[in-house]
Every structure is written in structure tokens, then in C-alpha cells.
PDB file of N, CA and C in Angstrom:
ATOM      1  N   MET A   1     -15.552  11.735 -14.385  1.00  0.00           N
ATOM      2  CA  MET A   1     -14.970  11.953 -13.098  1.00  0.00           C
ATOM      3  C   MET A   1     -14.243  13.292 -13.161  1.00  0.00           C
ATOM      4  N   GLU A   2     -14.599  14.192 -12.272  1.00  0.00           N
ATOM      5  CA  GLU A   2     -13.967  15.508 -12.289  1.00  0.00           C
ATOM      6  C   GLU A   2     -12.667  15.497 -11.492  1.00  0.00           C
ATOM      7  N   ILE A   3     -11.693  16.218 -12.010  1.00  0.00           N
ATOM      8  CA  ILE A   3     -10.420  16.420 -11.326  1.00  0.00           C
ATOM      9  C   ILE A   3     -10.136  17.921 -11.319  1.00  0.00           C
ATOM     10  N   PRO A   4      -9.188  18.380 -10.501  1.00  0.00           N
ATOM     11  CA  PRO A   4      -8.849  19.802 -10.541  1.00  0.00           C
ATOM     12  C   PRO A   4      -8.367  20.184 -11.940  1.00  0.00           C
ATOM     13  N   ALA A   5      -8.925  21.246 -12.486  1.00  0.00           N
ATOM     14  CA  ALA A   5      -8.584  21.663 -13.846  1.00  0.00           C
ATOM     15  C   ALA A   5      -7.136  22.120 -13.955  1.00  0.00           C
ATOM     16  N   GLU A   6      -6.606  22.630 -12.884  1.00  0.00           N
ATOM     17  CA  GLU A   6      -5.230  23.135 -12.910  1.00  0.00           C
ATOM     18  C   GLU A   6      -4.437  22.511 -11.764  1.00  0.00           C
ATOM     19  N   LEU A   7      -4.278  21.203 -11.845  1.00  0.00           N
ATOM     20  CA  LEU A   7      -3.586  20.469 -10.788  1.00  0.00           C
ATOM     21  C   LEU A   7      -2.162  20.971 -10.593  1.00  0.00           C
ATOM     22  N   TYR A   8      -1.543  21.430 -11.667  1.00  0.00           N
ATOM     23  CA  TYR A   8      -0.182  21.951 -11.536  1.00  0.00           C
ATOM     24  C   TYR A   8      -0.146  23.143 -10.582  1.00  0.00           C
ATOM     25  N   ARG A   9      -1.198  23.949 -10.548  1.00  0.00           N
ATOM     26  CA  ARG A   9      -1.249  25.078  -9.603  1.00  0.00           C
ATOM     27  C   ARG A   9      -1.419  24.580  -8.174  1.00  0.00           C
ATOM     28  N   VAL A  10      -2.212  23.544  -7.999  1.00  0.00           N
ATOM     29  CA  VAL A  10      -2.368  22.950  -6.676  1.00  0.00           C
ATOM     30  C   VAL A  10      -1.012  22.453  -6.201  1.00  0.00           C
ATOM     31  N   LYS A  11      -0.247  21.816  -7.108  1.00  0.00           N
ATOM     32  CA  LYS A  11       1.086  21.300  -6.759  1.00  0.00           C
ATOM     33  C   LYS A  11       2.007  22.397  -6.254  1.00  0.00           C
ATOM     34  N   THR A  12       1.960  23.564  -6.887  1.00  0.00           N
ATOM     35  CA  THR A  12       2.868  24.641  -6.479  1.00  0.00           C
ATOM     36  C   THR A  12       2.458  25.262  -5.153  1.00  0.00           C
ATOM     37  N   ARG A  13       1.179  25.167  -4.810  1.00  0.00           N
ATOM     38  CA  ARG A  13       0.681  25.770  -3.570  1.00  0.00           C
ATOM     39  C   ARG A  13       0.677  24.801  -2.397  1.00  0.00           C
ATOM     40  N   ASP A  14       0.361  23.536  -2.680  1.00  0.00           N
ATOM     41  CA  ASP A  14       0.205  22.557  -1.601  1.00  0.00           C
ATOM     42  C   ASP A  14       0.474  21.158  -2.154  1.00  0.00           C
ATOM     43  N   LEU A  15       1.714  20.731  -2.085  1.00  0.00           N
ATOM     44  CA  LEU A  15       2.110  19.441  -2.641  1.00  0.00           C
ATOM     45  C   LEU A  15       1.371  18.283  -1.970  1.00  0.00           C
ATOM     46  N   THR A  16       1.130  18.392  -0.678  1.00  0.00           N
ATOM     47  CA  THR A  16       0.403  17.335   0.027  1.00  0.00           C
ATOM     48  C   THR A  16      -1.006  17.184  -0.531  1.00  0.00           C
ATOM     49  N   LEU A  17      -1.692  18.295  -0.741  1.00  0.00           N
ATOM     50  CA  LEU A  17      -3.038  18.250  -1.310  1.00  0.00           C
ATOM     51  C   LEU A  17      -3.013  17.677  -2.724  1.00  0.00           C
ATOM     52  N   ALA A  18      -2.039  18.078  -3.521  1.00  0.00           N
ATOM     53  CA  ALA A  18      -1.919  17.550  -4.884  1.00  0.00           C
ATOM     54  C   ALA A  18      -1.716  16.036  -4.859  1.00  0.00           C
ATOM     55  N   ASN A  19      -0.889  15.564  -3.953  1.00  0.00           N
ATOM     56  CA  ASN A  19      -0.659  14.120  -3.841  1.00  0.00           C
ATOM     57  C   ASN A  19      -1.917  13.386  -3.383  1.00  0.00           C
ATOM     58  N   GLU A  20      -2.700  14.013  -2.496  1.00  0.00           N
ATOM     59  CA  GLU A  20      -3.968  13.412  -2.076  1.00  0.00           C
ATOM     60  C   GLU A  20      -4.925  13.306  -3.259  1.00  0.00           C
ATOM     61  N   TRP A  21      -4.991  14.347  -4.103  1.00  0.00           N
ATOM     62  CA  TRP A  21      -5.830  14.304  -5.297  1.00  0.00           C
ATOM     63  C   TRP A  21      -5.408  13.163  -6.210  1.00  0.00           C
ATOM     64  N   ARG A  22      -4.109  13.026  -6.416  1.00  0.00           N
ATOM     65  CA  ARG A  22      -3.615  11.957  -7.293  1.00  0.00           C
ATOM     66  C   ARG A  22      -3.958  10.581  -6.733  1.00  0.00           C
ATOM     67  N   ALA A  23      -3.776  10.407  -5.436  1.00  0.00           N
ATOM     68  CA  ALA A  23      -4.070   9.110  -4.814  1.00  0.00           C
ATOM     69  C   ALA A  23      -5.564   8.784  -4.907  1.00  0.00           C
ATOM     70  N   ARG A  24      -6.408   9.769  -4.650  1.00  0.00           N
ATOM     71  CA  ARG A  24      -7.856   9.537  -4.728  1.00  0.00           C
ATOM     72  C   ARG A  24      -8.297   9.286  -6.165  1.00  0.00           C
ATOM     73  N   THR A  25      -7.695  10.017  -7.104  1.00  0.00           N
ATOM     74  CA  THR A  25      -8.017   9.802  -8.513  1.00  0.00           C
ATOM     75  C   THR A  25      -7.623   8.389  -8.927  1.00  0.00           C
ATOM     76  N   ARG A  26      -6.438   7.970  -8.519  1.00  0.00           N
ATOM     77  CA  ARG A  26      -5.983   6.612  -8.838  1.00  0.00           C
ATOM     78  C   ARG A  26      -6.929   5.567  -8.260  1.00  0.00           C
ATOM     79  N   ALA A  27      -7.313   5.736  -7.002  1.00  0.00           N
ATOM     80  CA  ALA A  27      -8.214   4.771  -6.362  1.00  0.00           C
ATOM     81  C   ALA A  27      -9.566   4.734  -7.075  1.00  0.00           C
ATOM     82  N   THR A  28     -10.059   5.887  -7.478  1.00  0.00           N
ATOM     83  CA  THR A  28     -11.337   5.944  -8.191  1.00  0.00           C
ATOM     84  C   THR A  28     -11.237   5.241  -9.534  1.00  0.00           C
ATOM     85  N   PHE A  29     -10.139   5.493 -10.261  1.00  0.00           N
ATOM     86  CA  PHE A  29      -9.938   4.802 -11.535  1.00  0.00           C
ATOM     87  C   PHE A  29      -9.850   3.296 -11.328  1.00  0.00           C
ATOM     88  N   GLU A  30      -9.113   2.857 -10.329  1.00  0.00           N
ATOM     89  CA  GLU A  30      -8.972   1.422 -10.086  1.00  0.00           C
ATOM     90  C   GLU A  30     -10.324   0.771  -9.814  1.00  0.00           C
ATOM     91  N   ARG A  31     -11.167   1.432  -9.004  1.00  0.00           N
ATOM     92  CA  ARG A  31     -12.508   0.886  -8.741  1.00  0.00           C
ATOM     93  C   ARG A  31     -13.347   0.868 -10.012  1.00  0.00           C
ATOM     94  N   ALA A  32     -13.271   1.945 -10.787  1.00  0.00           N
ATOM     95  CA  ALA A  32     -14.053   2.019 -12.029  1.00  0.00           C
ATOM     96  C   ALA A  32     -13.607   0.949 -13.020  1.00  0.00           C
ATOM     97  N   PHE A  33     -12.296   0.794 -13.194  1.00  0.00           N
ATOM     98  CA  PHE A  33     -11.789  -0.212 -14.133  1.00  0.00           C
ATOM     99  C   PHE A  33     -12.199  -1.616 -13.681  1.00  0.00           C
ATOM    100  N   ALA A  34     -12.126  -1.869 -12.377  1.00  0.00           N
ATOM    101  CA  ALA A  34     -12.517  -3.181 -11.853  1.00  0.00           C
ATOM    102  C   ALA A  34     -14.009  -3.448 -12.067  1.00  0.00           C
ATOM    103  N   ALA A  35     -14.795  -2.380 -12.134  1.00  0.00           N
ATOM    104  CA  ALA A  35     -16.241  -2.519 -12.345  1.00  0.00           C
ATOM    105  C   ALA A  35     -16.613  -2.532 -13.825  1.00  0.00           C
ATOM    106  N   GLY A  36     -15.608  -2.523 -14.695  1.00  0.00           N
ATOM    107  CA  GLY A  36     -15.879  -2.637 -16.120  1.00  0.00           C
ATOM    108  C   GLY A  36     -15.942  -1.333 -16.890  1.00  0.00           C
ATOM    109  N   TYR A  37     -15.499  -0.250 -16.279  1.00  0.00           N
ATOM    110  CA  TYR A  37     -15.496   1.038 -16.974  1.00  0.00           C
ATOM    111  C   TYR A  37     -14.150   1.285 -17.639  1.00  0.00           C
ATOM    112  N   ALA A  38     -14.168   2.125 -18.658  1.00  0.00           N
ATOM    113  CA  ALA A  38     -12.949   2.547 -19.350  1.00  0.00           C
ATOM    114  C   ALA A  38     -12.990   4.063 -19.489  1.00  0.00           C
ATOM    115  N   ALA A  39     -11.831   4.688 -19.413  1.00  0.00           N
ATOM    116  CA  ALA A  39     -11.731   6.125 -19.673  1.00  0.00           C
ATOM    117  C   ALA A  39     -11.717   6.292 -21.188  1.00  0.00           C
ATOM    118  N   ILE A  40     -12.684   7.031 -21.711  1.00  0.00           N
ATOM    119  CA  ILE A  40     -12.802   7.160 -23.165  1.00  0.00           C
ATOM    120  C   ILE A  40     -12.501   8.566 -23.672  1.00  0.00           C
ATOM    121  N   ASP A  41     -12.418   9.542 -22.760  1.00  0.00           N
ATOM    122  CA  ASP A  41     -12.151  10.908 -23.210  1.00  0.00           C
ATOM    123  C   ASP A  41     -11.752  11.764 -22.020  1.00  0.00           C
ATOM    124  N   PHE A  42     -11.191  12.924 -22.321  1.00  0.00           N
ATOM    125  CA  PHE A  42     -10.852  13.924 -21.314  1.00  0.00           C
ATOM    126  C   PHE A  42     -11.360  15.246 -21.841  1.00  0.00           C
ATOM    127  N   VAL A  43     -12.099  15.978 -21.011  1.00  0.00           N
ATOM    128  CA  VAL A  43     -12.739  17.215 -21.445  1.00  0.00           C
ATOM    129  C   VAL A  43     -12.333  18.360 -20.532  1.00  0.00           C
ATOM    130  N   ARG A  44     -11.946  19.470 -21.148  1.00  0.00           N
ATOM    131  CA  ARG A  44     -11.716  20.722 -20.423  1.00  0.00           C
ATOM    132  C   ARG A  44     -12.779  21.701 -20.867  1.00  0.00           C
ATOM    133  N   THR A  45     -13.357  22.409 -19.903  1.00  0.00           N
ATOM    134  CA  THR A  45     -14.400  23.374 -20.222  1.00  0.00           C
ATOM    135  C   THR A  45     -14.416  24.454 -19.147  1.00  0.00           C
ATOM    136  N   THR A  46     -15.322  25.385 -19.265  1.00  0.00           N
ATOM    137  CA  THR A  46     -15.538  26.378 -18.214  1.00  0.00           C
ATOM    138  C   THR A  46     -17.002  26.329 -17.809  1.00  0.00           C
ATOM    139  N   ASP A  47     -17.257  26.618 -16.540  1.00  0.00           N
ATOM    140  CA  ASP A  47     -18.641  26.601 -16.078  1.00  0.00           C
ATOM    141  C   ASP A  47     -19.295  27.963 -16.314  1.00  0.00           C
ATOM    142  N   ALA A  48     -20.501  28.131 -15.810  1.00  0.00           N
ATOM    143  CA  ALA A  48     -21.294  29.335 -16.066  1.00  0.00           C
ATOM    144  C   ALA A  48     -20.660  30.607 -15.513  1.00  0.00           C
ATOM    145  N   VAL A  49     -19.789  30.467 -14.512  1.00  0.00           N
ATOM    146  CA  VAL A  49     -19.149  31.657 -13.936  1.00  0.00           C
ATOM    147  C   VAL A  49     -17.691  31.791 -14.369  1.00  0.00           C
ATOM    148  N   GLY A  50     -17.281  30.981 -15.352  1.00  0.00           N
ATOM    149  CA  GLY A  50     -15.951  31.115 -15.931  1.00  0.00           C
ATOM    150  C   GLY A  50     -14.841  30.314 -15.287  1.00  0.00           C
ATOM    151  N   ARG A  51     -15.176  29.428 -14.351  1.00  0.00           N
ATOM    152  CA  ARG A  51     -14.146  28.589 -13.726  1.00  0.00           C
ATOM    153  C   ARG A  51     -13.781  27.432 -14.646  1.00  0.00           C
ATOM    154  N   ALA A  52     -12.498  27.132 -14.706  1.00  0.00           N
ATOM    155  CA  ALA A  52     -12.039  25.991 -15.503  1.00  0.00           C
ATOM    156  C   ALA A  52     -12.497  24.699 -14.837  1.00  0.00           C
ATOM    157  N   ARG A  53     -12.919  23.733 -15.653  1.00  0.00           N
ATOM    158  CA  ARG A  53     -13.341  22.417 -15.177  1.00  0.00           C
ATOM    159  C   ARG A  53     -12.653  21.366 -16.041  1.00  0.00           C
ATOM    160  N   ALA A  54     -12.374  20.212 -15.462  1.00  0.00           N
ATOM    161  CA  ALA A  54     -11.724  19.126 -16.197  1.00  0.00           C
ATOM    162  C   ALA A  54     -12.348  17.801 -15.766  1.00  0.00           C
ATOM    163  N   TYR A  55     -12.651  16.965 -16.761  1.00  0.00           N
ATOM    164  CA  TYR A  55     -13.342  15.703 -16.508  1.00  0.00           C
ATOM    165  C   TYR A  55     -12.754  14.577 -17.346  1.00  0.00           C
ATOM    166  N   TYR A  56     -12.652  13.403 -16.736  1.00  0.00           N
ATOM    167  CA  TYR A  56     -12.447  12.179 -17.495  1.00  0.00           C
ATOM    168  C   TYR A  56     -13.834  11.618 -17.756  1.00  0.00           C
ATOM    169  N   ILE A  57     -14.081  11.204 -18.981  1.00  0.00           N
ATOM    170  CA  ILE A  57     -15.348  10.579 -19.332  1.00  0.00           C
ATOM    171  C   ILE A  57     -15.152   9.067 -19.247  1.00  0.00           C
ATOM    172  N   LEU A  58     -15.948   8.429 -18.411  1.00  0.00           N
ATOM    173  CA  LEU A  58     -15.874   6.980 -18.229  1.00  0.00           C
ATOM    174  C   LEU A  58     -17.120   6.347 -18.822  1.00  0.00           C
ATOM    175  N   ARG A  59     -16.933   5.203 -19.441  1.00  0.00           N
ATOM    176  CA  ARG A  59     -18.071   4.479 -20.015  1.00  0.00           C
ATOM    177  C   ARG A  59     -17.944   3.013 -19.649  1.00  0.00           C
ATOM    178  N   ARG A  60     -19.065   2.436 -19.242  1.00  0.00           N
ATOM    179  CA  ARG A  60     -19.073   1.002 -18.939  1.00  0.00           C
ATOM    180  C   ARG A  60     -18.916   0.247 -20.243  1.00  0.00           C
ATOM    181  N   GLN A  61     -17.988  -0.660 -20.250  1.00  0.00           N
ATOM    182  CA  GLN A  61     -17.701  -1.441 -21.448  1.00  0.00           C
ATOM    183  C   GLN A  61     -18.580  -2.683 -21.485  1.00  0.00           C
ATOM    184  N   ALA A  62     -19.078  -2.990 -22.653  1.00  0.00           N
ATOM    185  CA  ALA A  62     -19.888  -4.198 -22.830  1.00  0.00           C
ATOM    186  C   ALA A  62     -19.000  -5.412 -22.615  1.00  0.00           C
ATOM    187  N   GLU A  63     -19.539  -6.393 -21.945  1.00  0.00           N
ATOM    188  CA  GLU A  63     -18.773  -7.624 -21.750  1.00  0.00           C
ATOM    189  C   GLU A  63     -18.667  -8.343 -23.077  1.00  0.00           C
ATOM    190  N   ARG A  64     -17.475  -8.815 -23.368  1.00  0.00           N
ATOM    191  CA  ARG A  64     -17.234  -9.506 -24.637  1.00  0.00           C
ATOM    192  C   ARG A  64     -17.165 -11.005 -24.399  1.00  0.00           C
ATOM    193  N   ALA A  65     -17.928 -11.738 -25.167  1.00  0.00           N
ATOM    194  CA  ALA A  65     -17.955 -13.199 -25.036  1.00  0.00           C
ATOM    195  C   ALA A  65     -16.660 -13.833 -25.512  1.00  0.00           C
ATOM    196  N   ASP A  66     -15.901 -13.117 -26.375  1.00  0.00           N
ATOM    197  CA  ASP A  66     -14.685 -13.705 -26.933  1.00  0.00           C
ATOM    198  C   ASP A  66     -13.459 -13.490 -26.054  1.00  0.00           C
ATOM    199  N   VAL A  67     -13.629 -12.875 -24.901  1.00  0.00           N
ATOM    200  CA  VAL A  67     -12.505 -12.654 -23.989  1.00  0.00           C
ATOM    201  C   VAL A  67     -12.486 -13.792 -22.980  1.00  0.00           C
ATOM    202  N   ALA A  68     -11.340 -14.441 -22.879  1.00  0.00           N
ATOM    203  CA  ALA A  68     -11.245 -15.589 -21.970  1.00  0.00           C
ATOM    204  C   ALA A  68     -11.038 -15.155 -20.547  1.00  0.00           C
TER     205      ALA A  68
END
């Protein structure tokens, strides 16, 4: 799941937009977790034109028979 790579800069320019990003990110995580996904990593990189990118890596977790 991609998020703004420099959310702190968004916060300094537009707090309302930053709060919207946080709320949408939270809602997306809640849906993913409810569907059996887990956040397993966070990656920062740059794209082909040098823009910073940031991603949470989500993976569907295998259902465990030993969980009640």
C-alpha cells in the first residue's frame, strides 16, 4: 500500500490533506487486517524519475487451525 513518502512535508503545507491521508490509510489498514492481511515490511525507494516512494508491504496470512 503506497503512502506519501514525505508525509511530514504534506503536514507542513496542508494539515487537512495530511489528516485525510492518515484517515484513509487507517481505513485501508483496518479493511486489510479484517481480510486477513498483515503489514510485514515498509519500503522507501525512488522511481525512475527520482521521486521518493514509500510502501507498506501487506501479505495475506495463512489461517491457523490452532487459533480459537
